[in-house]
Amino acid sequence: MSASLLLRGLTVERQKAVFLEYKGVVLGDAFRIDLLVNDGLLVEIKAAEQTLPLHEAQLLTYLRLTGKPLGLLINFNVRVLKDGIRRVVNGL
């Protein structure tokens, strides 16, 4: 997936560590973003029987903590890929 994005001229970071600070204490890399595209789109990749509300909540938390506006939750364990894509927006 990331190779085709690179061919389109987009910047892609895989497994990007996100460091958090709480009350002056650096918590280190609290989580890792599967893909960060053009420093604005978070992509969370799953291969589950079905996506759960927990998965969407996880992506929304990542969006809020990074201040990014948009994320995609992609589940590859579906018959038709378009059925496995959920768009999540921060702040709406």
N, C-alpha and C. Protein backbone atom coordinates (compact mmCIF):
# COMPACT_ATOMS: atom_id res chain seq x y z
N MET A 1 0.82 -1.19 0.00
CA MET A 1 0.00 0.00 0.00
C MET A 1 0.87 1.25 0.00
N SER A 2 1.88 1.31 0.88
CA SER A 2 2.66 2.52 0.98
C SER A 2 3.49 2.79 -0.27
N ALA A 3 3.89 1.72 -0.99
CA ALA A 3 4.67 1.91 -2.21
C ALA A 3 3.85 2.64 -3.27
N SER A 4 2.58 2.27 -3.42
CA SER A 4 1.76 2.95 -4.43
C SER A 4 1.50 4.40 -4.03
N LEU A 5 1.43 4.68 -2.74
CA LEU A 5 1.26 6.07 -2.30
C LEU A 5 2.52 6.88 -2.59
N LEU A 6 3.68 6.26 -2.40
CA LEU A 6 4.94 6.94 -2.70
C LEU A 6 5.06 7.25 -4.19
N LEU A 7 4.60 6.32 -5.02
CA LEU A 7 4.64 6.54 -6.47
C LEU A 7 3.76 7.71 -6.89
N ARG A 8 2.75 8.01 -6.09
CA ARG A 8 1.86 9.14 -6.38
C ARG A 8 2.41 10.46 -5.82
N GLY A 9 3.60 10.42 -5.24
CA GLY A 9 4.24 11.63 -4.74
C GLY A 9 3.82 12.02 -3.33
N LEU A 10 3.22 11.10 -2.59
CA LEU A 10 2.81 11.37 -1.22
C LEU A 10 3.90 10.93 -0.25
N THR A 11 4.01 11.61 0.87
CA THR A 11 4.94 11.17 1.90
C THR A 11 4.22 10.21 2.83
N VAL A 12 4.88 9.12 3.16
CA VAL A 12 4.28 8.07 3.98
C VAL A 12 5.26 7.67 5.07
N GLU A 13 4.78 7.67 6.31
CA GLU A 13 5.58 7.17 7.42
C GLU A 13 4.87 5.94 7.97
N ARG A 14 5.61 4.86 8.13
CA ARG A 14 5.03 3.61 8.64
C ARG A 14 5.46 3.41 10.09
N GLN A 15 4.53 2.90 10.90
CA GLN A 15 4.78 2.63 12.31
C GLN A 15 5.41 3.84 13.01
N LYS A 16 4.79 5.01 12.79
CA LYS A 16 5.30 6.25 13.37
C LYS A 16 4.99 6.29 14.86
N ALA A 17 6.03 6.41 15.65
CA ALA A 17 5.87 6.49 17.10
C ALA A 17 5.37 7.88 17.49
N VAL A 18 4.43 7.92 18.41
CA VAL A 18 3.89 9.18 18.91
C VAL A 18 4.24 9.27 20.39
N PHE A 19 4.97 10.32 20.73
CA PHE A 19 5.39 10.53 22.11
C PHE A 19 4.40 11.44 22.80
N LEU A 20 4.04 11.10 24.02
CA LEU A 20 3.09 11.89 24.78
C LEU A 20 3.74 12.45 26.03
N GLU A 21 3.24 13.61 26.44
CA GLU A 21 3.68 14.22 27.68
C GLU A 21 2.45 14.52 28.52
N TYR A 22 2.49 14.12 29.78
CA TYR A 22 1.36 14.34 30.69
C TYR A 22 1.89 14.95 31.98
N LYS A 23 1.43 16.16 32.29
CA LYS A 23 1.84 16.88 33.49
C LYS A 23 3.36 16.96 33.62
N GLY A 24 4.01 17.23 32.50
CA GLY A 24 5.46 17.40 32.49
C GLY A 24 6.26 16.11 32.42
N VAL A 25 5.59 14.99 32.42
CA VAL A 25 6.28 13.69 32.35
C VAL A 25 6.13 13.13 30.95
N VAL A 26 7.26 12.85 30.31
CA VAL A 26 7.23 12.27 28.97
C VAL A 26 6.97 10.78 29.10
N LEU A 27 5.90 10.32 28.48
CA LEU A 27 5.50 8.92 28.58
C LEU A 27 6.14 8.04 27.51
N GLY A 28 6.95 8.63 26.67
CA GLY A 28 7.60 7.85 25.62
C GLY A 28 6.65 7.61 24.45
N ASP A 29 6.98 6.61 23.67
CA ASP A 29 6.12 6.31 22.51
C ASP A 29 4.91 5.52 23.00
N ALA A 30 3.85 6.25 23.28
CA ALA A 30 2.64 5.68 23.85
C ALA A 30 1.90 4.79 22.84
N PHE A 31 2.00 5.13 21.57
CA PHE A 31 1.37 4.30 20.55
C PHE A 31 2.06 4.53 19.22
N ARG A 32 1.74 3.69 18.26
CA ARG A 32 2.32 3.80 16.92
C ARG A 32 1.20 3.86 15.89
N ILE A 33 1.34 4.80 14.98
CA ILE A 33 0.39 4.96 13.89
C ILE A 33 0.82 4.02 12.77
N ASP A 34 -0.11 3.22 12.25
CA ASP A 34 0.25 2.28 11.18
C ASP A 34 0.81 3.03 9.98
N LEU A 35 0.04 4.00 9.46
CA LEU A 35 0.51 4.84 8.35
C LEU A 35 0.11 6.29 8.61
N LEU A 36 1.04 7.20 8.35
CA LEU A 36 0.75 8.63 8.39
C LEU A 36 1.06 9.17 7.01
N VAL A 37 0.03 9.63 6.31
CA VAL A 37 0.16 10.07 4.92
C VAL A 37 0.12 11.59 4.88
N ASN A 38 1.15 12.17 4.27
CA ASN A 38 1.27 13.63 4.10
C ASN A 38 1.08 14.39 5.41
N ASP A 39 1.51 13.80 6.49
CA ASP A 39 1.44 14.42 7.83
C ASP A 39 0.04 14.90 8.18
N GLY A 40 -1.00 14.25 7.63
CA GLY A 40 -2.35 14.68 7.92
C GLY A 40 -3.39 13.58 8.00
N LEU A 41 -3.15 12.47 7.34
CA LEU A 41 -4.11 11.38 7.30
C LEU A 41 -3.54 10.18 8.05
N LEU A 42 -4.24 9.74 9.10
CA LEU A 42 -3.86 8.55 9.83
C LEU A 42 -4.58 7.36 9.24
N VAL A 43 -3.86 6.26 9.05
CA VAL A 43 -4.46 5.04 8.53
C VAL A 43 -4.18 3.94 9.53
N GLU A 44 -5.23 3.36 10.05
CA GLU A 44 -5.14 2.23 10.98
C GLU A 44 -5.56 0.98 10.22
N ILE A 45 -4.70 -0.03 10.20
CA ILE A 45 -4.93 -1.23 9.41
C ILE A 45 -5.29 -2.39 10.33
N LYS A 46 -6.33 -3.11 9.95
CA LYS A 46 -6.79 -4.29 10.70
C LYS A 46 -7.00 -5.45 9.74
N ALA A 47 -7.02 -6.65 10.32
CA ALA A 47 -7.40 -7.85 9.58
C ALA A 47 -8.25 -8.69 10.54
N ALA A 48 -9.41 -8.16 10.86
CA ALA A 48 -10.30 -8.77 11.85
C ALA A 48 -11.56 -9.28 11.18
N GLU A 49 -12.26 -10.19 11.87
CA GLU A 49 -13.53 -10.70 11.35
C GLU A 49 -14.49 -9.55 11.06
N GLN A 50 -14.50 -8.58 11.97
CA GLN A 50 -15.31 -7.37 11.77
C GLN A 50 -14.67 -6.25 12.58
N THR A 51 -14.87 -5.03 12.14
CA THR A 51 -14.37 -3.92 12.93
C THR A 51 -15.37 -3.63 14.04
N LEU A 52 -14.83 -3.34 15.19
CA LEU A 52 -15.64 -3.10 16.38
C LEU A 52 -15.62 -1.61 16.72
N PRO A 53 -16.57 -1.16 17.52
CA PRO A 53 -16.53 0.23 17.99
C PRO A 53 -15.20 0.56 18.67
N LEU A 54 -14.58 -0.43 19.29
CA LEU A 54 -13.28 -0.25 19.92
C LEU A 54 -12.23 0.21 18.92
N HIS A 55 -12.25 -0.34 17.72
CA HIS A 55 -11.28 0.03 16.69
C HIS A 55 -11.47 1.49 16.26
N GLU A 56 -12.72 1.90 16.09
CA GLU A 56 -12.99 3.30 15.73
C GLU A 56 -12.60 4.24 16.86
N ALA A 57 -12.86 3.83 18.10
CA ALA A 57 -12.48 4.64 19.25
C ALA A 57 -10.97 4.79 19.34
N GLN A 58 -10.25 3.72 19.03
CA GLN A 58 -8.79 3.77 19.02
C GLN A 58 -8.30 4.79 18.01
N LEU A 59 -8.83 4.75 16.79
CA LEU A 59 -8.43 5.69 15.75
C LEU A 59 -8.80 7.12 16.15
N LEU A 60 -9.98 7.32 16.70
CA LEU A 60 -10.40 8.65 17.11
C LEU A 60 -9.49 9.19 18.22
N THR A 61 -9.07 8.34 19.13
CA THR A 61 -8.12 8.75 20.17
C THR A 61 -6.81 9.18 19.56
N TYR A 62 -6.30 8.41 18.60
CA TYR A 62 -5.07 8.79 17.91
C TYR A 62 -5.21 10.15 17.23
N LEU A 63 -6.36 10.38 16.58
CA LEU A 63 -6.60 11.65 15.91
C LEU A 63 -6.59 12.80 16.92
N ARG A 64 -7.26 12.62 18.04
CA ARG A 64 -7.33 13.68 19.04
C ARG A 64 -5.98 13.97 19.65
N LEU A 65 -5.21 12.92 19.96
CA LEU A 65 -3.91 13.12 20.60
C LEU A 65 -2.89 13.77 19.66
N THR A 66 -3.02 13.52 18.37
CA THR A 66 -2.08 14.11 17.41
C THR A 66 -2.58 15.42 16.81
N GLY A 67 -3.88 15.70 16.99
CA GLY A 67 -4.45 16.90 16.40
C GLY A 67 -4.68 16.80 14.90
N LYS A 68 -4.66 15.60 14.39
CA LYS A 68 -4.88 15.40 12.95
C LYS A 68 -6.39 15.36 12.68
N PRO A 69 -6.81 15.79 11.49
CA PRO A 69 -8.24 15.91 11.22
C PRO A 69 -8.94 14.66 10.70
N LEU A 70 -8.19 13.75 10.06
CA LEU A 70 -8.87 12.67 9.33
C LEU A 70 -8.12 11.35 9.47
N GLY A 71 -8.91 10.27 9.56
CA GLY A 71 -8.32 8.95 9.64
C GLY A 71 -9.13 7.94 8.87
N LEU A 72 -8.47 6.88 8.45
CA LEU A 72 -9.13 5.76 7.78
C LEU A 72 -8.86 4.50 8.58
N LEU A 73 -9.92 3.75 8.83
CA LEU A 73 -9.81 2.44 9.45
C LEU A 73 -10.05 1.44 8.33
N ILE A 74 -9.03 0.66 8.00
CA ILE A 74 -9.13 -0.27 6.88
C ILE A 74 -9.01 -1.71 7.39
N ASN A 75 -10.05 -2.49 7.15
CA ASN A 75 -10.06 -3.90 7.51
C ASN A 75 -9.90 -4.71 6.22
N PHE A 76 -8.81 -5.45 6.15
CA PHE A 76 -8.53 -6.24 4.95
C PHE A 76 -9.21 -7.60 4.95
N ASN A 77 -9.86 -7.96 6.04
CA ASN A 77 -10.51 -9.27 6.13
C ASN A 77 -11.98 -9.16 5.69
N VAL A 78 -12.19 -8.66 4.49
CA VAL A 78 -13.53 -8.53 3.91
C VAL A 78 -13.48 -9.03 2.47
N ARG A 79 -14.63 -9.40 1.96
CA ARG A 79 -14.70 -9.90 0.59
C ARG A 79 -14.43 -8.78 -0.43
N VAL A 80 -15.04 -7.61 -0.20
CA VAL A 80 -14.85 -6.46 -1.08
C VAL A 80 -14.22 -5.35 -0.24
N LEU A 81 -13.06 -4.86 -0.64
CA LEU A 81 -12.29 -3.93 0.18
C LEU A 81 -13.08 -2.68 0.55
N LYS A 82 -13.89 -2.16 -0.35
CA LYS A 82 -14.64 -0.94 -0.04
C LYS A 82 -15.55 -1.12 1.17
N ASP A 83 -15.96 -2.36 1.45
CA ASP A 83 -16.79 -2.63 2.62
C ASP A 83 -15.99 -2.59 3.91
N GLY A 84 -14.67 -2.63 3.81
CA GLY A 84 -13.82 -2.63 4.99
C GLY A 84 -13.19 -1.29 5.32
N ILE A 85 -13.64 -0.22 4.66
CA ILE A 85 -13.04 1.10 4.88
C ILE A 85 -14.03 1.99 5.62
N ARG A 86 -13.56 2.55 6.74
CA ARG A 86 -14.36 3.51 7.53
C ARG A 86 -13.59 4.80 7.64
N ARG A 87 -14.25 5.91 7.40
CA ARG A 87 -13.65 7.23 7.51
C ARG A 87 -14.01 7.81 8.88
N VAL A 88 -13.01 8.30 9.61
CA VAL A 88 -13.23 8.87 10.93
C VAL A 88 -12.70 10.29 10.92
N VAL A 89 -13.53 11.23 11.40
CA VAL A 89 -13.16 12.65 11.38
C VAL A 89 -13.03 13.13 12.82
N ASN A 90 -11.99 13.86 13.09
CA ASN A 90 -11.74 14.43 14.41
C ASN A 90 -12.51 15.73 14.54
N GLY A 91 -13.31 15.85 15.59
CA GLY A 91 -13.97 17.12 15.87
C GLY A 91 -15.38 17.26 15.32
N LEU A 92 -15.94 16.22 14.75
CA LEU A 92 -17.30 16.30 14.24
C LEU A 92 -18.21 15.36 14.99
